[in-house]
Protein backbone atom coordinates (compact mmCIF):
# COMPACT_ATOMS: atom_id res chain seq x y z
CA UNK A 1 -4.96 41.98 -26.15
CA UNK A 2 -7.65 41.56 -23.41
CA UNK A 3 -7.96 37.93 -24.92
CA UNK A 4 -4.37 37.33 -23.97
CA UNK A 5 -4.41 39.17 -20.57
CA UNK A 6 -7.64 36.63 -19.86
CA UNK A 7 -5.63 33.46 -20.46
CA UNK A 8 -2.70 35.09 -18.75
CA UNK A 9 -4.54 35.51 -15.27
CA UNK A 10 -6.67 32.50 -16.00
CA UNK A 11 -3.41 30.42 -15.99
CA UNK A 12 -2.29 31.96 -13.04
CA UNK A 13 -4.82 31.61 -11.06
CA UNK A 14 -5.02 27.44 -12.15
CA UNK A 15 -1.72 26.98 -11.70
CA UNK A 16 -0.85 29.22 -8.70
CA UNK A 17 -3.25 27.70 -6.43
CA UNK A 18 -1.10 23.86 -8.21
CA UNK A 19 2.43 25.65 -7.33
CA UNK A 20 1.58 26.03 -4.19
CA UNK A 21 0.77 22.23 -3.65
CA UNK A 22 2.34 20.47 -0.86
CA UNK A 23 1.88 17.23 -2.45
CA UNK A 24 4.46 15.35 -4.40
CA UNK A 25 3.89 11.73 -5.87
CA UNK A 26 6.27 8.78 -6.94
CA UNK A 27 5.06 6.60 -9.35
CA UNK A 28 7.53 3.52 -9.67
CA UNK A 29 8.19 2.82 -13.28
CA UNK A 30 8.04 -0.62 -13.00
CA UNK A 31 9.93 -1.98 -15.99
CA UNK A 32 13.25 0.82 -15.77
CA UNK A 33 14.31 0.09 -12.60
CA UNK A 34 13.24 3.79 -12.26
CA UNK A 35 11.08 6.52 -10.10
CA UNK A 36 8.90 9.10 -11.71
CA UNK A 37 8.45 11.97 -9.66
CA UNK A 38 5.60 14.30 -10.40
CA UNK A 39 4.29 17.49 -8.79
CA UNK A 40 2.39 20.35 -10.15
CA UNK A 41 0.32 18.29 -12.64
CA UNK A 42 3.39 17.11 -14.73
CA UNK A 43 6.06 14.23 -14.59
CA UNK A 44 8.83 16.40 -13.38
CA UNK A 45 11.82 14.09 -13.46
CA UNK A 46 13.21 10.60 -12.73
CA UNK A 47 15.09 8.67 -9.91
CA UNK A 48 17.44 6.38 -12.08
CA UNK A 49 18.79 2.91 -10.83
CA UNK A 50 16.70 1.94 -8.13
CA UNK A 51 16.87 -1.80 -8.87
CA UNK A 52 13.99 -4.25 -9.77
CA UNK A 53 10.67 -1.69 -9.42
CA UNK A 54 8.58 -4.86 -10.47
CA UNK A 55 6.28 -4.57 -7.21
CA UNK A 56 8.26 -1.95 -5.78
CA UNK A 57 7.27 0.44 -2.74
CA UNK A 58 7.98 3.32 -1.12
CA UNK A 59 7.49 4.20 2.64
CA UNK A 60 8.12 7.26 4.23
CA UNK A 61 9.17 8.60 7.99
CA UNK A 62 9.44 11.88 8.59
CA UNK A 63 11.94 13.55 6.42
CA UNK A 64 13.33 10.08 4.91
CA UNK A 65 11.77 8.04 2.22
CA UNK A 66 12.51 3.95 1.77
CA UNK A 67 11.97 1.81 -1.62
CA UNK A 68 11.96 -1.59 -1.42
CA UNK A 69 13.14 -3.65 -4.74
CA UNK A 70 11.92 -7.00 -5.67
CA UNK A 71 15.60 -8.23 -5.75
CA UNK A 72 16.13 -7.50 -2.34
CA UNK A 73 17.30 -3.89 -2.20
CA UNK A 74 16.63 -1.51 0.04
CA UNK A 75 17.42 2.47 -0.60
CA UNK A 76 16.98 5.26 1.29
CA UNK A 77 16.50 8.42 -0.12
CA UNK A 78 15.71 12.45 0.40
CA UNK A 79 12.00 12.98 -0.66
CA UNK A 80 12.17 16.62 -0.88
CA UNK A 81 16.25 16.54 -3.22
CA UNK A 82 15.03 12.98 -4.48
CA UNK A 83 18.72 12.06 -3.94
CA UNK A 84 19.83 8.51 -2.93
CA UNK A 85 21.49 8.52 0.56
CA UNK A 86 22.10 4.82 1.19
CA UNK A 87 21.36 0.95 -0.34
CA UNK A 88 21.33 -2.47 1.44
CA UNK A 89 21.28 -5.53 -0.24
CA UNK A 90 19.70 -7.75 2.05
CA UNK A 91 18.02 -10.80 -0.34
CA UNK A 92 17.53 -12.05 -3.74
CA UNK A 93 14.45 -10.87 -2.98
CA UNK A 94 12.35 -9.08 -0.50
CA UNK A 95 8.52 -8.91 0.39
CA UNK A 96 7.94 -5.82 2.59
CA UNK A 97 9.39 -3.88 5.12
CA UNK A 98 8.55 -1.72 8.22
CA UNK A 99 10.19 1.54 9.77
CA UNK A 100 10.50 2.32 13.15
CA UNK A 101 12.05 5.04 15.23
CA UNK A 102 15.99 4.25 14.74
CA UNK A 103 15.61 1.29 12.57
CA UNK A 104 14.29 -0.87 9.11
CA UNK A 105 13.02 -4.14 9.32
CA UNK A 106 13.13 -5.89 6.14
CA UNK A 107 10.95 -9.49 5.73
CA UNK A 108 12.75 -11.66 2.83
CA UNK A 109 11.70 -14.39 1.10
CA UNK A 110 14.83 -16.38 -0.49
CA UNK A 111 17.22 -16.62 2.39
CA UNK A 112 13.80 -17.51 4.70
CA UNK A 113 15.31 -14.66 7.53
CA UNK A 114 13.85 -10.79 8.23
CA UNK A 115 17.10 -8.13 8.51
CA UNK A 116 17.14 -5.24 10.97
CA UNK A 117 18.64 -2.19 9.55
CA UNK A 118 19.17 1.56 11.50
CA UNK A 119 17.67 4.36 9.46
CA UNK A 120 20.54 4.76 7.84
CA UNK A 121 20.80 1.01 6.88
CA UNK A 122 23.74 -0.29 8.20
CA UNK A 123 22.94 -3.75 9.23
CA UNK A 124 22.26 -4.37 12.59
CA UNK A 125 20.87 -8.44 13.31
CA UNK A 126 19.19 -11.02 10.92
CA UNK A 127 16.47 -13.27 12.46
CA UNK A 128 16.81 -16.59 10.64
CA UNK A 129 13.69 -18.28 9.86
CA UNK A 130 13.53 -21.18 7.63
CA UNK A 131 10.52 -19.62 6.02
CA UNK A 132 9.35 -17.10 3.54
CA UNK A 133 8.43 -14.01 5.71
CA UNK A 134 5.55 -11.75 5.08
CA UNK A 135 3.09 -9.21 6.66
CA UNK A 136 5.64 -7.73 9.25
CA UNK A 137 4.31 -5.09 11.13
CA UNK A 138 5.60 -3.15 14.28
CA UNK A 139 3.47 -2.35 17.69
CA UNK A 140 4.70 -0.40 20.68
CA UNK A 141 8.15 -2.47 21.43
CA UNK A 142 7.34 -5.13 18.95
CA UNK A 143 8.03 -6.44 15.73
CA UNK A 144 5.42 -9.07 14.03
CA UNK A 145 5.73 -11.17 10.67
CA UNK A 146 4.02 -14.28 9.64
CA UNK A 147 6.27 -17.09 8.18
CA UNK A 148 4.39 -18.64 5.33
CA UNK A 149 6.10 -22.03 5.03
CA UNK A 150 6.00 -22.47 8.83
CA UNK A 151 2.17 -21.40 9.66
CA UNK A 152 3.93 -19.48 12.36
CA UNK A 153 3.08 -15.69 13.62
CA UNK A 154 6.33 -14.62 15.41
CA UNK A 155 6.24 -11.55 17.74
CA UNK A 156 9.77 -10.36 18.76
CA UNK A 157 10.34 -7.98 21.61
CA UNK A 158 13.14 -4.94 21.37
CA UNK A 159 14.82 -4.92 24.79
CA UNK A 160 16.83 -2.43 23.43
CA UNK A 161 13.45 -0.20 23.06
CA UNK A 162 14.11 3.58 23.54
CA UNK A 163 17.56 3.16 23.30
CA UNK A 164 20.09 3.59 20.47
CA UNK A 165 20.18 0.37 18.91
CA UNK A 166 17.26 -2.38 19.09
CA UNK A 167 18.40 -5.74 19.79
CA UNK A 168 14.97 -7.98 18.83
CA UNK A 169 14.37 -11.53 21.20
CA UNK A 170 11.84 -14.08 20.67
CA UNK A 171 9.01 -13.13 22.92
CA UNK A 172 6.28 -15.61 21.59
CA UNK A 173 5.17 -17.69 18.62
CA UNK A 174 1.37 -18.94 17.37
CA UNK A 175 1.10 -21.72 15.43
CA UNK A 176 -1.83 -20.35 13.04
CA UNK A 177 -3.57 -21.43 9.54
CA UNK A 178 -2.12 -22.54 6.78
CA UNK A 179 -0.11 -20.78 4.40
CA UNK A 180 -0.07 -17.10 6.14
CA UNK A 181 0.47 -14.52 3.24
CA UNK A 182 -0.25 -10.89 4.25
CA UNK A 183 -1.28 -9.11 7.63
CA UNK A 184 -2.28 -5.98 8.74
CA UNK A 185 -2.58 -4.11 12.43
CA UNK A 186 -5.03 -2.16 13.58
CA UNK A 187 -4.48 -0.71 17.46
CA UNK A 188 -3.28 -4.00 19.58
CA UNK A 189 -4.52 -6.12 16.67
CA UNK A 190 -2.76 -8.30 14.31
CA UNK A 191 -4.74 -9.86 11.83
CA UNK A 192 -3.13 -12.29 9.13
CA UNK A 193 -4.58 -14.08 6.37
CA UNK A 194 -4.30 -17.10 4.67
CA UNK A 195 -3.76 -19.02 1.79
CA UNK A 196 -5.50 -22.43 2.65
CA UNK A 197 -7.46 -22.24 5.53
CA UNK A 198 -11.58 -20.88 5.33
CA UNK A 199 -10.70 -17.40 7.55
CA UNK A 200 -8.16 -14.79 9.15
CA UNK A 201 -6.59 -14.98 12.15
CA UNK A 202 -6.27 -12.47 15.11
CA UNK A 203 -3.47 -12.12 17.67
CA UNK A 204 -3.95 -9.78 20.11
CA UNK A 205 -0.55 -7.88 21.17
CA UNK A 206 -1.68 -7.05 24.78
CA UNK A 207 -2.77 -10.59 25.81
CA UNK A 208 -0.48 -12.65 23.97
CA UNK A 209 -3.29 -14.51 22.19
CA UNK A 210 -4.65 -15.94 19.33
CA UNK A 211 -8.14 -17.00 17.58
CA UNK A 212 -8.79 -17.80 14.41
CA UNK A 213 -11.84 -16.06 13.17
CA UNK A 214 -13.62 -17.34 9.74
CA UNK A 215 -15.83 -15.13 7.56
CA UNK A 216 -19.06 -15.18 5.70
CA UNK A 217 -20.66 -13.76 3.15
CA UNK A 218 -24.00 -14.53 1.12
CA UNK A 219 -26.10 -17.41 2.81
CA UNK A 220 -23.29 -17.69 6.22
CA UNK A 221 -21.19 -19.27 3.20
CA UNK A 222 -17.40 -19.52 4.09
CA UNK A 223 -14.80 -17.13 2.37
CA UNK A 224 -12.41 -19.34 0.65
CA UNK A 225 -9.13 -16.46 0.80
CA UNK A 226 -8.73 -13.58 2.64
CA UNK A 227 -5.15 -13.41 1.82
CA UNK A 228 -3.68 -9.76 0.83
CA UNK A 229 -4.86 -7.09 3.82
CA UNK A 230 -3.23 -4.55 1.84
CA UNK A 231 -6.36 -4.40 -0.69
CA UNK A 232 -8.45 -3.70 1.89
CA UNK A 233 -10.32 -0.64 2.81
CA UNK A 234 -11.11 0.35 6.96
CA UNK A 235 -13.96 2.91 7.20
CA UNK A 236 -14.50 4.16 10.50
CA UNK A 237 -17.45 1.36 10.73
CA UNK A 238 -17.53 -0.79 7.86
CA UNK A 239 -14.49 -2.99 6.19
CA UNK A 240 -13.98 -3.55 2.20
CA UNK A 241 -12.85 -6.50 0.79
CA UNK A 242 -12.41 -7.53 -3.06
CA UNK A 243 -13.46 -11.11 -2.81
CA UNK A 244 -11.65 -13.68 -4.77
CA UNK A 245 -12.54 -15.36 -7.95
CA UNK A 246 -16.00 -13.29 -7.48
CA UNK A 247 -17.59 -10.10 -9.41
CA UNK A 248 -18.43 -8.69 -5.80
CA UNK A 249 -16.66 -6.04 -3.28
CA UNK A 250 -17.50 -8.01 0.69
CA UNK A 251 -18.62 -5.60 2.95
CA UNK A 252 -18.57 -6.42 6.97
CA UNK A 253 -18.90 -4.15 10.14
CA UNK A 254 -16.38 -3.79 12.35
CA UNK A 255 -16.43 -7.15 14.33
CA UNK A 256 -16.79 -9.06 11.04
CA UNK A 257 -20.42 -9.24 10.81
CA UNK A 258 -21.70 -9.72 7.13
CA UNK A 259 -23.58 -6.68 5.94
CA UNK A 260 -24.05 -7.34 2.00
CA UNK A 261 -21.95 -7.73 -1.54
CA UNK A 262 -21.42 -4.74 -3.68
CA UNK A 263 -21.83 -6.09 -7.56
CA UNK A 264 -19.10 -5.01 -9.36
CA UNK A 265 -18.10 -5.39 -13.45
CA UNK A 266 -15.73 -8.20 -13.05
CA UNK A 267 -12.78 -9.66 -10.43
CA UNK A 268 -11.84 -6.81 -7.66
CA UNK A 269 -8.34 -6.89 -7.11
CA UNK A 270 -7.66 -3.50 -4.96
CA UNK A 271 -10.39 -1.49 -3.39
CA UNK A 272 -8.92 2.07 -2.12
CA UNK A 273 -10.37 4.70 0.29
CA UNK A 274 -10.85 8.19 -0.25
CA UNK A 275 -9.88 10.64 3.04
CA UNK A 276 -12.87 11.68 3.92
CA UNK A 277 -14.29 8.03 4.08
CA UNK A 278 -17.28 8.71 0.51
CA UNK A 279 -16.15 6.64 -1.44
CA UNK A 280 -14.46 3.22 -2.38
CA UNK A 281 -11.94 3.17 -5.57
CA UNK A 282 -12.18 0.00 -7.12
CA UNK A 283 -9.76 -1.57 -9.57
CA UNK A 284 -10.19 -5.04 -11.80
CA UNK A 285 -7.80 -7.67 -13.35
CA UNK A 286 -8.32 -9.84 -16.23
CA UNK A 287 -10.41 -8.39 -19.51
CA UNK A 288 -11.65 -5.32 -16.81
CA UNK A 289 -7.69 -4.41 -16.07
CA UNK A 290 -9.06 -1.15 -17.87
CA UNK A 291 -11.88 0.00 -15.33
CA UNK A 292 -12.23 1.34 -12.12
CA UNK A 293 -15.67 1.62 -10.22
CA UNK A 294 -16.63 4.39 -7.58
CA UNK A 295 -18.51 3.11 -4.39
CA UNK A 296 -20.87 5.49 -1.97
CA UNK A 297 -19.84 4.06 1.31
CA UNK A 298 -23.04 5.00 2.20
CA UNK A 299 -25.33 3.68 -0.01
CA UNK A 300 -22.95 0.64 -0.72
CA UNK A 301 -23.62 1.84 -4.73
CA UNK A 302 -21.52 1.72 -7.85
CA UNK A 303 -21.62 5.75 -8.57
CA UNK A 304 -19.15 5.72 -11.71
CA UNK A 305 -17.11 3.64 -13.82
CA UNK A 306 -14.13 4.45 -15.61
CA UNK A 307 -12.51 3.35 -18.64
CA UNK A 308 -8.87 3.82 -19.41
CA UNK A 309 -6.67 3.31 -22.55
CA UNK A 310 -4.77 0.44 -20.60
CA UNK A 311 -4.66 -2.03 -17.60
CA UNK A 312 -5.08 0.29 -13.94
CA UNK A 313 -2.24 -1.46 -11.72
CA UNK A 314 -3.01 1.37 -8.88
CA UNK A 315 -4.74 4.45 -7.79
CA UNK A 316 -4.05 7.14 -4.68
CA UNK A 317 -6.35 9.50 -3.55
CA UNK A 318 -5.06 13.34 -3.29
CA UNK A 319 -5.12 14.53 0.15
CA UNK A 320 -5.43 18.15 -0.54
CA UNK A 321 -7.18 18.16 -3.18
CA UNK A 322 -10.64 16.43 -5.20
CA UNK A 323 -8.34 14.20 -7.35
CA UNK A 324 -7.73 10.76 -7.31
CA UNK A 325 -4.67 9.32 -9.67
CA UNK A 326 -5.10 6.28 -11.73
CA UNK A 327 -1.72 4.42 -12.93
CA UNK A 328 -2.72 3.79 -16.24
CA UNK A 329 0.41 1.22 -17.35
CA UNK A 330 -0.76 0.34 -20.24
CA UNK A 331 -0.62 3.38 -21.78
CA UNK A 332 2.39 4.82 -20.30
CA UNK A 333 0.66 7.36 -18.27
CA UNK A 334 -1.21 8.83 -14.94
CA UNK A 335 -4.67 10.15 -15.22
CA UNK A 336 -5.85 12.13 -12.74
CA UNK A 337 -9.56 12.09 -11.53
CA UNK A 338 -11.95 15.14 -10.43
CA UNK A 339 -14.00 13.48 -7.16
CA UNK A 340 -15.82 16.21 -7.33
CA UNK A 341 -17.61 16.47 -11.13
CA UNK A 342 -16.38 12.44 -11.35
CA UNK A 343 -14.41 13.25 -15.27
CA UNK A 344 -10.72 12.89 -16.73
CA UNK A 345 -9.29 16.52 -15.97
CA UNK A 346 -5.90 15.50 -16.76
CA UNK A 347 -3.45 12.78 -18.26
CA UNK A 348 0.29 12.42 -17.30
CA UNK A 349 2.57 11.86 -19.95
CA UNK A 350 6.47 10.78 -20.22
CA UNK A 351 5.54 7.97 -17.69
CA UNK A 352 6.91 4.42 -18.34
CA UNK A 353 4.84 1.74 -17.26
CA UNK A 354 3.78 3.04 -14.27
CA UNK A 355 2.49 1.09 -11.50
CA UNK A 356 2.40 2.03 -7.34
CA UNK A 357 1.90 5.81 -6.68
CA UNK A 358 3.23 6.75 -3.43
CA UNK A 359 2.16 10.00 -1.97
CA UNK A 360 4.78 12.59 -0.23
CA UNK A 361 3.58 15.69 1.53
CA UNK A 362 6.20 17.76 2.25
CA UNK A 363 4.51 19.22 5.27
CA UNK A 364 4.23 16.45 6.98
CA UNK A 365 5.22 13.36 9.02
CA UNK A 366 2.37 11.18 7.62
CA UNK A 367 3.35 10.97 4.12
CA UNK A 368 2.65 7.05 3.10
């Protein structure tokens, strides 16, 4: 009887803290047109009929959640009830989107445009560019994106800024490097990467100026490609970039002065910085798909290697617990690493071909 009582108390102590969690994870089920909902360490429910989830992306803004599918649908849903609220098809293929205070902007591939919708997904404006559009971002009253086929960065201004409905007009365009592919934004600085130009472009959105910055590595040799900023990690004093075609994570200071290359076990694809900025998780491609490695951001050394039962497509750090969630696509599960002891503490089943993991914090407007 004492043994049963002790077991019950331990169970309550563990799951009591878990059940009070404010975090909810939405996991894209890549091949099932669905999204798994993970709470309290279990796959609790599945959101169905979410369109083509190959590279599906979810973002949160306040109490709203938005999903973009590969086949051009934008879906608005309630992240607490998981109820679909609205949907709108912008094109046959959409690549990225941003959420403003009173609009959603979608960068399209196939019909070579950018769609402006209201927050309920009613269409407001279509900007035709004659190019596939990528790297869409927001800065104050501006909407910025890159034209992949025209080698341009376009800056549009909301002339109705602060009013109920936005109206975007072209403010300025910059001729940039060849084949821009992705971008990120740091304060007033829009940084765009290229497939065919050695370096990256920087637009100062206050001064409306542009310059090309070459990125060099060991021996002052140029880095050939810096295309995808979604895979970078930015700490307070360092920038970590997975090398294209090399078994390295490249480390630069905030002014992009080269520090060193960190040797890793394979070709790195994705780097993800922990909330306390002490560690980076690195995923790989090819034969090293089933691995992730952990890098200490102070010593710049690999401190741990994990091997999983299938290829890993994504990771997400918990903000509430010392946990790292790992999307093990090849094993139809999400594994959770204890980041204090660095061991796999549990495996979450009943998830079909998981890829992107997106964290919703129910008591915060900073979900992502």
